N, C-alpha and C. Protein backbone atom coordinates (compact mmCIF):
# COMPACT_ATOMS: atom_id res chain seq x y z
N MET A 1 56.16 65.48 71.46
CA MET A 1 57.40 64.82 70.39
C MET A 1 57.40 63.31 70.99
N ASP A 2 57.35 62.43 70.14
CA ASP A 2 57.23 61.21 70.06
C ASP A 2 58.75 60.64 70.09
N VAL A 3 59.10 59.50 71.04
CA VAL A 3 60.43 59.20 71.07
C VAL A 3 61.82 59.14 70.22
N ARG A 4 60.93 58.93 69.39
CA ARG A 4 62.26 58.60 67.94
C ARG A 4 62.46 59.90 67.61
N THR A 5 61.50 60.66 67.60
CA THR A 5 61.83 62.06 67.33
C THR A 5 63.15 62.83 68.38
N HIS A 6 62.35 62.85 69.49
CA HIS A 6 62.92 63.33 70.64
C HIS A 6 64.92 62.88 70.22
N THR A 7 64.30 61.67 70.27
CA THR A 7 65.70 60.86 70.14
C THR A 7 67.04 61.13 68.92
N LEU A 8 66.51 61.66 68.07
CA LEU A 8 66.95 62.31 66.78
C LEU A 8 67.84 63.24 67.14
N ARG A 9 66.66 63.95 67.84
CA ARG A 9 67.11 65.66 68.18
C ARG A 9 68.22 65.39 69.00
N ALA A 10 68.30 64.76 70.11
CA ALA A 10 69.07 64.57 71.50
C ALA A 10 70.61 64.39 70.29
N ALA A 11 70.26 62.88 69.83
CA ALA A 11 71.54 62.49 69.28
C ALA A 11 72.40 63.41 68.35
N THR A 12 71.99 64.05 67.36
CA THR A 12 72.64 65.27 66.36
C THR A 12 73.02 66.43 67.18
N ARG A 13 72.48 66.65 68.20
CA ARG A 13 72.88 67.39 69.50
C ARG A 13 74.28 67.06 69.90
N ARG A 14 74.15 65.79 70.86
CA ARG A 14 75.38 65.30 71.44
C ARG A 14 76.34 64.65 70.34
N PHE A 15 75.92 64.43 69.14
CA PHE A 15 76.98 63.71 68.19
C PHE A 15 77.45 64.77 67.59
N ALA A 16 77.00 66.48 67.36
CA ALA A 16 77.58 67.60 67.11
C ALA A 16 78.65 67.79 68.20
N ARG A 17 78.31 68.03 69.36
CA ARG A 17 79.13 68.77 70.67
C ARG A 17 79.99 68.05 70.99
N GLN A 18 79.72 66.55 70.77
CA GLN A 18 80.77 65.74 71.56
C GLN A 18 81.15 64.49 70.65
N GLY A 19 80.76 64.36 69.67
CA GLY A 19 81.29 63.55 68.80
C GLY A 19 80.57 62.20 69.22
N PHE A 20 80.60 61.58 67.63
CA PHE A 20 80.11 59.99 68.09
C PHE A 20 80.62 59.04 69.10
N ASP A 21 82.04 59.20 69.00
CA ASP A 21 82.89 58.24 70.02
C ASP A 21 82.83 58.73 71.21
N SER A 22 82.48 60.01 71.75
CA SER A 22 82.49 60.23 73.05
C SER A 22 80.88 60.21 73.89
N THR A 23 80.27 59.87 72.90
CA THR A 23 78.27 59.70 73.17
C THR A 23 77.98 58.49 73.62
N SER A 24 77.57 58.51 74.72
CA SER A 24 76.90 56.93 74.77
C SER A 24 75.28 57.12 74.64
N LEU A 25 74.58 56.24 74.68
CA LEU A 25 73.53 55.81 74.51
C LEU A 25 72.57 56.03 75.88
N GLN A 26 73.63 55.78 76.75
CA GLN A 26 73.14 56.28 77.83
C GLN A 26 73.05 58.00 78.40
N GLU A 27 73.54 58.12 77.64
CA GLU A 27 73.06 59.89 77.81
C GLU A 27 72.60 60.44 76.95
N ILE A 28 72.20 59.74 76.05
CA ILE A 28 71.28 59.87 74.96
C ILE A 28 69.78 59.83 75.48
N ALA A 29 69.83 58.55 76.02
CA ALA A 29 68.36 58.13 76.87
C ALA A 29 68.45 58.73 77.83
N ASP A 30 69.27 59.24 78.95
CA ASP A 30 68.52 60.40 79.75
C ASP A 30 67.91 61.63 79.31
N GLU A 31 68.88 61.98 78.02
CA GLU A 31 68.14 63.15 77.75
C GLU A 31 66.89 63.28 77.52
N VAL A 32 66.66 62.27 76.69
CA VAL A 32 65.44 61.99 76.53
C VAL A 32 64.03 61.77 76.95
N GLY A 33 64.59 61.09 78.21
CA GLY A 33 63.90 60.74 79.38
C GLY A 33 63.14 58.92 79.08
N VAL A 34 64.19 58.69 78.50
CA VAL A 34 63.63 57.10 78.77
C VAL A 34 64.75 56.13 78.98
N LYS A 35 64.05 54.75 79.32
CA LYS A 35 65.33 53.65 79.75
C LYS A 35 66.16 53.52 78.73
N LYS A 36 67.03 52.85 78.44
CA LYS A 36 68.22 52.23 77.26
C LYS A 36 67.55 51.38 76.55
N PRO A 37 66.61 50.62 77.13
CA PRO A 37 66.22 49.27 76.13
C PRO A 37 64.70 49.93 75.70
N SER A 38 64.60 50.96 75.82
CA SER A 38 63.33 51.90 74.87
C SER A 38 63.90 52.59 73.66
N LEU A 39 64.93 53.26 73.97
CA LEU A 39 65.87 53.66 73.16
C LEU A 39 66.12 52.59 71.66
N LEU A 40 66.82 51.53 72.57
CA LEU A 40 67.29 50.11 71.58
C LEU A 40 66.15 49.82 70.69
N HIS A 41 65.36 50.01 71.27
CA HIS A 41 63.60 49.75 70.34
C HIS A 41 64.23 50.37 69.18
N HIS A 42 64.16 51.53 69.37
CA HIS A 42 64.08 52.66 67.99
C HIS A 42 65.34 52.08 67.32
N PHE A 43 66.39 52.48 68.06
CA PHE A 43 67.92 51.91 67.64
C PHE A 43 68.28 50.82 67.73
N PRO A 44 68.45 49.93 67.50
CA PRO A 44 69.16 48.58 67.84
C PRO A 44 70.90 48.76 68.13
N THR A 45 71.64 49.90 67.72
CA THR A 45 72.82 50.36 68.07
C THR A 45 73.29 51.82 67.96
N LYS A 46 74.45 52.33 68.44
CA LYS A 46 74.82 53.43 68.02
C LYS A 46 74.84 53.62 66.67
N ASN A 47 75.63 52.81 65.94
CA ASN A 47 75.68 53.32 64.42
C ASN A 47 74.08 53.53 63.82
N ASP A 48 73.17 52.22 64.60
CA ASP A 48 71.79 52.74 63.74
C ASP A 48 71.26 54.25 64.07
N LEU A 49 71.87 54.54 64.99
CA LEU A 49 70.96 55.91 65.47
C LEU A 49 71.57 56.82 64.80
N LEU A 50 73.37 56.80 64.61
CA LEU A 50 74.25 57.72 63.68
C LEU A 50 73.18 58.01 62.38
N ARG A 51 73.41 56.68 61.88
CA ARG A 51 72.53 56.46 60.14
C ARG A 51 71.39 57.15 60.16
N ALA A 52 70.43 57.16 61.30
CA ALA A 52 69.34 57.50 61.14
C ALA A 52 69.24 58.99 60.92
N VAL A 53 70.02 59.40 62.34
CA VAL A 53 70.60 61.03 61.87
C VAL A 53 70.76 61.61 60.63
N LEU A 54 71.90 60.86 60.33
CA LEU A 54 72.39 61.50 58.96
C LEU A 54 71.03 61.38 57.94
N ASP A 55 70.35 59.86 57.46
CA ASP A 55 69.50 60.43 57.12
C ASP A 55 68.65 61.31 57.09
N ASN A 56 68.00 61.44 58.29
CA ASN A 56 66.99 62.68 58.70
C ASN A 56 67.81 63.96 58.07
N LEU A 57 68.93 64.17 57.93
CA LEU A 57 69.41 65.28 57.55
C LEU A 57 69.30 65.28 56.18
N PHE A 58 70.11 64.53 55.28
CA PHE A 58 70.21 64.56 54.03
C PHE A 58 68.35 64.17 53.70
N ASP A 59 67.68 63.44 54.19
CA ASP A 59 66.48 63.22 53.67
C ASP A 59 65.66 64.71 53.20
N HIS A 60 66.21 65.56 54.13
CA HIS A 60 65.71 66.99 54.17
C HIS A 60 65.79 67.95 52.78
N TRP A 61 66.76 67.00 52.02
CA TRP A 61 67.46 68.24 50.68
C TRP A 61 66.44 66.82 49.45
N THR A 62 66.79 65.81 49.96
CA THR A 62 66.10 64.66 48.70
C THR A 62 64.48 65.11 48.59
N ASP A 63 63.84 65.43 49.96
CA ASP A 63 62.59 66.16 49.80
C ASP A 63 62.47 67.52 49.12
N ARG A 64 63.04 68.01 49.98
CA ARG A 64 62.69 69.64 49.73
C ARG A 64 63.36 70.01 48.28
N LEU A 65 65.02 69.70 47.33
CA LEU A 65 65.33 70.15 46.63
C LEU A 65 64.23 69.89 44.89
N PRO A 66 63.80 68.80 44.93
CA PRO A 66 63.07 68.73 43.81
C PRO A 66 61.86 69.70 43.96
N ARG A 67 61.60 70.24 45.05
CA ARG A 67 60.00 70.96 45.60
C ARG A 67 60.43 72.56 44.92
N LEU A 68 61.49 73.06 45.26
CA LEU A 68 62.16 74.11 45.10
C LEU A 68 62.84 74.56 43.77
N LEU A 69 62.85 73.39 42.72
CA LEU A 69 63.24 73.78 41.61
C LEU A 69 62.37 73.67 40.62
N GLU A 70 61.04 72.94 41.21
CA GLU A 70 60.20 73.11 40.60
C GLU A 70 59.38 73.91 40.87
N ALA A 71 59.34 74.40 41.62
CA ALA A 71 58.72 75.93 41.84
C ALA A 71 59.10 77.21 41.13
N VAL A 72 60.42 77.07 40.89
CA VAL A 72 60.91 78.56 40.53
C VAL A 72 61.70 77.81 39.48
N THR A 73 61.75 78.56 38.40
CA THR A 73 62.04 78.84 37.07
C THR A 73 63.34 79.08 36.38
N SER A 74 63.12 80.49 36.84
CA SER A 74 64.31 81.52 37.02
C SER A 74 65.82 80.94 37.55
N GLY A 75 67.04 81.61 36.28
CA GLY A 75 68.03 81.18 37.40
C GLY A 75 68.17 82.09 39.11
N ARG A 76 67.95 82.85 38.58
CA ARG A 76 68.25 84.03 39.82
C ARG A 76 67.10 83.86 41.03
N GLY A 77 65.88 83.33 40.70
CA GLY A 77 64.95 82.43 41.63
C GLY A 77 65.44 81.20 41.95
N ARG A 78 66.00 80.39 41.14
CA ARG A 78 66.43 78.99 41.69
C ARG A 78 67.63 79.48 42.86
N PHE A 79 68.39 80.26 42.87
CA PHE A 79 69.39 80.63 43.44
C PHE A 79 69.03 81.19 44.66
N GLU A 80 68.41 82.18 44.56
CA GLU A 80 67.81 82.97 45.94
C GLU A 80 66.46 81.71 46.87
N ALA A 81 66.18 80.57 46.22
CA ALA A 81 65.02 80.16 46.73
C ALA A 81 66.11 78.76 47.42
N ILE A 82 66.93 77.91 46.78
CA ILE A 82 67.89 77.15 47.52
C ILE A 82 68.67 77.66 48.44
N THR A 83 69.55 78.69 48.02
CA THR A 83 70.18 79.49 49.27
C THR A 83 69.34 80.22 50.50
N ALA A 84 68.40 80.22 50.19
CA ALA A 84 67.56 80.84 51.65
C ALA A 84 67.20 79.58 52.44
N GLU A 85 67.21 78.11 51.57
CA GLU A 85 66.65 77.17 52.20
C GLU A 85 67.76 76.35 53.02
N LEU A 86 69.22 76.31 52.57
CA LEU A 86 70.35 76.66 52.84
C LEU A 86 70.53 76.95 54.23
N LEU A 87 70.25 78.20 53.98
CA LEU A 87 70.45 79.13 55.05
C LEU A 87 69.88 78.61 56.56
N ARG A 88 68.13 78.60 56.07
CA ARG A 88 67.30 78.24 56.86
C ARG A 88 67.79 77.08 57.83
N PHE A 89 67.75 76.25 56.79
CA PHE A 89 67.98 74.63 57.08
C PHE A 89 68.89 74.41 58.49
N PHE A 90 69.99 75.35 58.62
CA PHE A 90 71.50 75.15 58.89
C PHE A 90 71.01 76.24 60.31
N ARG A 91 70.41 77.38 59.87
CA ARG A 91 70.60 78.22 61.07
C ARG A 91 69.35 78.03 62.18
N GLU A 92 68.67 77.17 61.18
CA GLU A 92 67.11 76.58 62.29
C GLU A 92 67.57 75.78 63.80
N ASP A 93 68.92 75.21 63.08
CA ASP A 93 69.87 74.08 64.34
C ASP A 93 71.36 74.16 63.73
N PRO A 94 72.00 74.92 64.30
CA PRO A 94 73.11 74.87 64.13
C PRO A 94 73.83 73.70 64.08
N ASP A 95 73.33 72.85 65.04
CA ASP A 95 74.32 71.42 65.38
C ASP A 95 73.79 70.50 63.96
N ARG A 96 73.28 70.81 63.16
CA ARG A 96 73.25 69.97 61.90
C ARG A 96 74.27 70.53 61.32
N ALA A 97 74.69 71.46 61.10
CA ALA A 97 76.03 71.84 60.68
C ALA A 97 77.02 71.34 61.05
N ARG A 98 77.35 71.09 62.32
CA ARG A 98 78.28 70.75 63.32
C ARG A 98 78.20 69.38 63.21
N LEU A 99 77.63 69.13 63.08
CA LEU A 99 77.65 67.56 62.63
C LEU A 99 78.30 67.04 61.46
N ILE A 100 77.53 67.57 60.83
CA ILE A 100 78.41 67.49 59.11
C ILE A 100 79.90 67.53 59.23
N VAL A 101 79.87 68.79 59.59
CA VAL A 101 81.50 69.06 59.71
C VAL A 101 82.37 67.88 60.42
N ARG A 102 81.48 67.50 61.62
CA ARG A 102 82.62 66.44 62.70
C ARG A 102 82.54 65.00 62.00
N GLU A 103 81.82 64.74 61.06
CA GLU A 103 81.51 63.42 60.27
C GLU A 103 82.19 63.59 59.22
N LEU A 104 82.37 64.89 58.54
CA LEU A 104 83.45 64.39 57.56
C LEU A 104 85.11 64.60 57.75
N MET A 105 85.25 65.20 59.24
CA MET A 105 86.49 64.76 59.82
C MET A 105 86.72 63.59 60.32
N ASP A 106 85.79 63.23 61.03
CA ASP A 106 85.52 61.92 62.01
C ASP A 106 85.72 61.04 60.98
N ARG A 107 84.64 60.46 60.26
CA ARG A 107 84.41 59.47 59.28
C ARG A 107 84.16 59.85 57.60
N PRO A 108 85.63 60.01 57.22
CA PRO A 108 85.72 60.71 55.94
C PRO A 108 85.19 59.75 54.80
N GLU A 109 85.62 58.58 54.92
CA GLU A 109 85.48 57.59 54.18
C GLU A 109 83.66 56.93 53.85
N ALA A 110 83.09 57.10 55.21
CA ALA A 110 81.67 56.97 55.37
C ALA A 110 80.91 58.22 54.33
N MET A 111 81.23 59.16 54.70
CA MET A 111 81.03 60.49 54.54
C MET A 111 81.18 60.79 53.12
N ARG A 112 82.09 60.33 52.52
CA ARG A 112 82.01 60.50 50.86
C ARG A 112 81.54 59.42 50.19
N GLY A 113 80.85 58.32 50.76
CA GLY A 113 79.94 57.17 49.94
C GLY A 113 78.59 57.70 50.26
N ARG A 114 78.45 58.19 51.44
CA ARG A 114 77.19 59.18 51.56
C ARG A 114 76.74 60.51 50.86
N LEU A 115 78.02 60.79 50.75
CA LEU A 115 77.21 62.48 49.73
C LEU A 115 77.40 61.85 48.41
N SER A 116 78.45 60.94 47.73
CA SER A 116 78.50 60.44 46.49
C SER A 116 77.56 59.82 46.02
N GLN A 117 76.43 59.25 47.23
CA GLN A 117 75.30 58.69 46.79
C GLN A 117 73.78 60.04 46.83
N THR A 118 73.60 60.62 48.02
CA THR A 118 72.90 61.85 48.10
C THR A 118 72.91 62.97 47.14
N LEU A 119 74.11 63.80 47.61
CA LEU A 119 74.83 64.99 46.79
C LEU A 119 74.96 64.68 45.53
N THR A 120 75.27 63.54 44.73
CA THR A 120 76.42 64.06 43.58
C THR A 120 75.05 64.37 42.46
N PRO A 121 73.80 63.27 42.50
CA PRO A 121 72.10 63.53 41.26
C PRO A 121 71.92 65.18 42.30
N TRP A 122 71.87 65.77 42.95
CA TRP A 122 71.62 67.07 42.92
C TRP A 122 72.52 68.27 42.78
N LEU A 123 73.87 67.96 42.66
CA LEU A 123 74.82 68.61 41.82
C LEU A 123 74.94 68.77 40.81
N THR A 124 75.19 67.26 39.71
CA THR A 124 75.00 67.42 38.62
C THR A 124 73.28 67.90 38.09
N LEU A 125 72.52 68.16 38.47
CA LEU A 125 71.28 68.38 38.04
C LEU A 125 70.91 69.92 38.29
N ILE A 126 71.79 70.63 39.04
CA ILE A 126 71.98 72.33 39.73
C ILE A 126 73.01 72.62 38.69
N ALA A 127 73.97 72.16 38.48
CA ALA A 127 74.75 72.13 37.66
C ALA A 127 74.43 72.16 35.90
N ASP A 128 73.84 71.48 35.81
CA ASP A 128 73.25 71.49 34.34
C ASP A 128 72.53 72.78 34.55
N TYR A 129 71.85 73.15 34.90
CA TYR A 129 70.89 74.47 35.33
C TYR A 129 71.55 75.62 35.26
N MET A 130 73.04 75.54 35.93
CA MET A 130 74.16 76.82 35.93
C MET A 130 74.91 76.68 34.64
N ARG A 131 74.97 75.76 33.70
CA ARG A 131 75.57 75.93 32.16
C ARG A 131 74.22 76.40 31.55
N LYS A 132 73.35 76.42 31.69
CA LYS A 132 72.14 76.87 30.57
C LYS A 132 72.11 78.19 30.88
N SER A 133 72.38 78.70 32.08
CA SER A 133 72.39 80.10 32.46
C SER A 133 73.52 80.72 32.04
N GLN A 134 74.91 80.02 31.80
CA GLN A 134 75.79 80.66 31.15
C GLN A 134 75.56 80.89 30.03
N GLU A 135 75.12 79.97 29.08
CA GLU A 135 74.54 79.78 27.51
C GLU A 135 73.85 80.94 27.25
N ALA A 136 72.98 81.06 28.34
CA ALA A 136 71.99 82.59 28.34
C ALA A 136 72.50 83.72 29.02
N GLY A 137 74.05 83.64 29.31
CA GLY A 137 74.63 84.85 29.67
C GLY A 137 74.15 85.45 31.39
N GLN A 138 73.45 84.65 31.61
CA GLN A 138 73.13 85.10 33.29
C GLN A 138 74.04 84.57 33.96
N VAL A 139 74.89 83.69 33.95
CA VAL A 139 75.76 83.64 35.33
C VAL A 139 77.38 83.71 34.25
N GLN A 140 78.18 83.95 35.39
CA GLN A 140 79.74 84.22 35.04
C GLN A 140 80.01 83.30 33.90
N ALA A 141 80.66 83.12 32.75
CA ALA A 141 81.04 82.34 31.68
C ALA A 141 81.72 81.57 32.24
N ASP A 142 83.07 82.06 33.50
CA ASP A 142 84.07 81.21 33.62
C ASP A 142 84.34 80.51 34.81
N LEU A 143 82.99 80.78 35.25
CA LEU A 143 82.34 80.07 36.41
C LEU A 143 82.57 78.50 36.18
N ASP A 144 82.51 77.16 37.24
CA ASP A 144 83.12 75.96 37.23
C ASP A 144 81.60 75.46 38.14
N PRO A 145 80.62 75.29 37.37
CA PRO A 145 79.03 75.01 38.48
C PRO A 145 79.29 73.77 39.40
N GLU A 146 80.10 72.74 39.30
CA GLU A 146 79.96 72.05 40.46
C GLU A 146 80.85 72.12 41.58
N SER A 147 82.15 73.07 40.90
CA SER A 147 83.10 73.54 42.24
C SER A 147 82.12 74.86 42.83
N TYR A 148 81.49 75.53 42.15
CA TYR A 148 81.04 77.03 42.80
C TYR A 148 80.10 76.15 44.04
N ILE A 149 79.25 75.33 43.47
CA ILE A 149 78.24 75.03 44.42
C ILE A 149 78.77 73.85 45.47
N LEU A 150 79.84 73.51 45.59
CA LEU A 150 80.35 73.09 46.68
C LEU A 150 81.32 73.93 47.29
N HIS A 151 81.70 74.91 47.19
CA HIS A 151 82.25 76.27 47.75
C HIS A 151 81.21 76.46 48.65
N ILE A 152 79.95 76.69 47.89
CA ILE A 152 78.88 77.87 48.63
C ILE A 152 78.60 76.56 49.65
N VAL A 153 78.14 75.18 49.21
CA VAL A 153 77.65 74.48 50.23
C VAL A 153 78.70 74.46 51.53
N THR A 154 79.93 74.12 51.03
CA THR A 154 81.11 74.24 52.69
C THR A 154 81.17 75.35 53.06
N LEU A 155 80.93 76.92 52.70
CA LEU A 155 80.95 78.26 53.27
C LEU A 155 80.07 77.97 53.90
N THR A 156 78.76 77.86 53.28
CA THR A 156 77.45 77.88 54.43
C THR A 156 77.56 76.98 55.60
N VAL A 157 78.07 75.68 55.04
CA VAL A 157 78.11 74.55 56.38
C VAL A 157 78.78 74.99 57.35
N SER A 158 80.06 74.97 56.79
CA SER A 158 81.65 75.16 57.94
C SER A 158 81.34 76.83 58.76
N SER A 159 80.93 77.89 57.95
CA SER A 159 80.74 78.72 58.65
C SER A 159 79.74 78.74 60.01
N ILE A 160 78.61 78.14 59.22
CA ILE A 160 77.33 78.16 60.40
C ILE A 160 77.73 77.57 61.66
N ALA A 161 78.67 76.54 61.10
CA ALA A 161 78.95 75.36 62.38
C ALA A 161 80.27 76.44 63.52
N ALA A 162 80.68 77.43 62.53
CA ALA A 162 81.96 78.03 63.82
C ALA A 162 81.28 79.05 63.92
N LEU A 163 80.02 79.74 63.39
CA LEU A 163 80.08 81.05 64.13
C LEU A 163 79.74 80.90 65.22
N PRO A 164 78.82 80.12 66.34
CA PRO A 164 78.72 80.20 67.52
C PRO A 164 80.61 80.76 68.71
N VAL A 165 81.86 79.96 68.05
CA VAL A 165 82.60 80.66 68.33
C VAL A 165 83.56 81.86 67.80
N LEU A 166 83.01 82.01 66.29
CA LEU A 166 84.38 83.21 65.52
C LEU A 166 83.02 84.03 65.83
N GLY A 167 82.08 84.17 66.25
CA GLY A 167 81.33 85.12 65.89
C GLY A 167 81.46 86.12 67.16
N HIS A 168 82.21 85.94 68.36
CA HIS A 168 82.74 86.51 69.56
C HIS A 168 83.56 86.87 69.23
N ALA A 169 84.48 87.32 67.89
CA ALA A 169 85.29 88.58 67.15
C ALA A 169 84.13 89.55 66.98
N PHE A 170 82.90 89.61 66.76
CA PHE A 170 82.30 90.75 66.26
C PHE A 170 82.05 91.54 68.05
N VAL A 171 81.82 92.84 67.97
CA VAL A 171 80.61 93.22 68.91
C VAL A 171 79.41 93.25 68.20
N GLY A 172 78.41 92.73 69.01
CA GLY A 172 76.82 92.85 68.95
C GLY A 172 76.08 91.63 69.73
N GLU A 173 74.72 91.69 69.50
CA GLU A 173 73.70 90.74 69.75
C GLU A 173 74.35 89.69 68.95
N ARG A 174 74.11 88.51 69.09
CA ARG A 174 74.25 87.15 68.68
C ARG A 174 73.61 87.22 67.58
N GLU A 175 72.21 87.15 67.28
CA GLU A 175 71.24 87.34 66.46
C GLU A 175 71.57 88.61 65.14
N GLU A 176 72.09 89.62 65.45
CA GLU A 176 72.78 90.70 64.54
C GLU A 176 74.10 90.24 63.96
N ILE A 177 74.86 89.47 64.85
CA ILE A 177 75.81 88.85 64.17
C ILE A 177 75.80 87.91 62.68
N THR A 178 74.94 87.15 63.21
CA THR A 178 74.33 85.63 62.46
C THR A 178 73.74 86.70 61.37
N ASP A 179 73.05 87.74 61.53
CA ASP A 179 72.37 88.01 60.08
C ASP A 179 73.18 89.10 58.98
N ARG A 180 73.95 89.60 60.05
CA ARG A 180 75.34 90.13 59.04
C ARG A 180 76.21 89.23 58.48
N HIS A 181 76.85 88.13 58.90
CA HIS A 181 77.29 87.05 58.21
C HIS A 181 76.73 86.24 57.27
N VAL A 182 75.18 86.15 57.57
CA VAL A 182 74.32 85.22 56.37
C VAL A 182 74.37 86.43 55.29
N LYS A 183 74.09 87.47 55.58
CA LYS A 183 74.37 88.52 54.84
C LYS A 183 74.93 88.82 53.53
N GLU A 184 76.46 88.91 53.79
CA GLU A 184 77.35 88.74 53.36
C GLU A 184 78.02 87.63 52.73
N LEU A 185 77.22 86.40 53.43
CA LEU A 185 77.75 85.03 52.51
C LEU A 185 76.59 85.17 51.55
N LEU A 186 75.92 85.95 51.46
CA LEU A 186 74.78 85.67 50.41
C LEU A 186 75.30 86.45 49.24
N ARG A 187 75.86 87.49 49.37
CA ARG A 187 76.59 88.79 48.82
C ARG A 187 77.51 88.29 47.94
N ILE A 188 78.33 87.81 48.79
CA ILE A 188 79.84 86.83 47.97
C ILE A 188 78.88 85.73 47.07
N ALA A 189 78.17 85.25 47.64
CA ALA A 189 77.35 83.71 46.48
C ALA A 189 76.96 84.54 45.51
N ARG A 190 76.39 85.68 45.79
CA ARG A 190 75.42 86.31 44.34
C ARG A 190 76.12 86.52 43.55
N THR A 191 77.16 87.44 43.97
CA THR A 191 78.25 88.36 43.12
C THR A 191 78.97 87.60 42.53
N SER A 192 79.33 86.56 42.84
CA SER A 192 80.53 85.72 41.75
C SER A 192 79.77 84.42 41.04
N LEU A 193 78.40 84.36 41.10
CA LEU A 193 77.49 83.49 40.48
C LEU A 193 76.89 84.69 38.85
N PHE A 194 76.66 85.23 39.46
CA PHE A 194 75.50 86.30 38.32
C PHE A 194 76.26 87.19 37.47
N SER A 195 76.46 87.21 36.10
CA SER A 195 76.69 88.35 35.39
C SER A 195 76.21 89.79 35.45
N GLY A 196 76.49 90.53 35.61
CA GLY A 196 76.01 92.22 35.71
C GLY A 196 74.67 92.52 36.69
């Protein structure tokens, strides 16, 4: 793994767990196994590093969503593909979800701008698909597409971010608890979306 990729992963983990303000570039450099000047070669400031970490997260969706929407044409198929990818992405590294929640709380103005720029075009496009499905009688007629999407994204991100703590209320193995949690999240999302 190259220094830049390793640095992005280490920074994601540290910023998610400790917060941006409580994380030093030296800690990240130490975790990556490089001298601080080497880290600064790739990311001249800590703000540049945070921007790159968030770009890395949001670029995934800018790249992945069009492919999913193109590949699957049915309403149920799109739902399954997009929710599966949403869950896979955040389950693969729960620090991604923790970082987004932390940034929403710690830097709401910056996140508002970033989300408007990145999320709004996709929100609009997916909501338009949902409206067409409503007209065809496949999606609940009284559903508000934009609100539904934001609720599902928020539910997914926040619950995956909190599951390592809240999951201890359950009895069982960690993976089993996560699987149960995800299965129920999908059931809620599916039944509140589709008609019949």
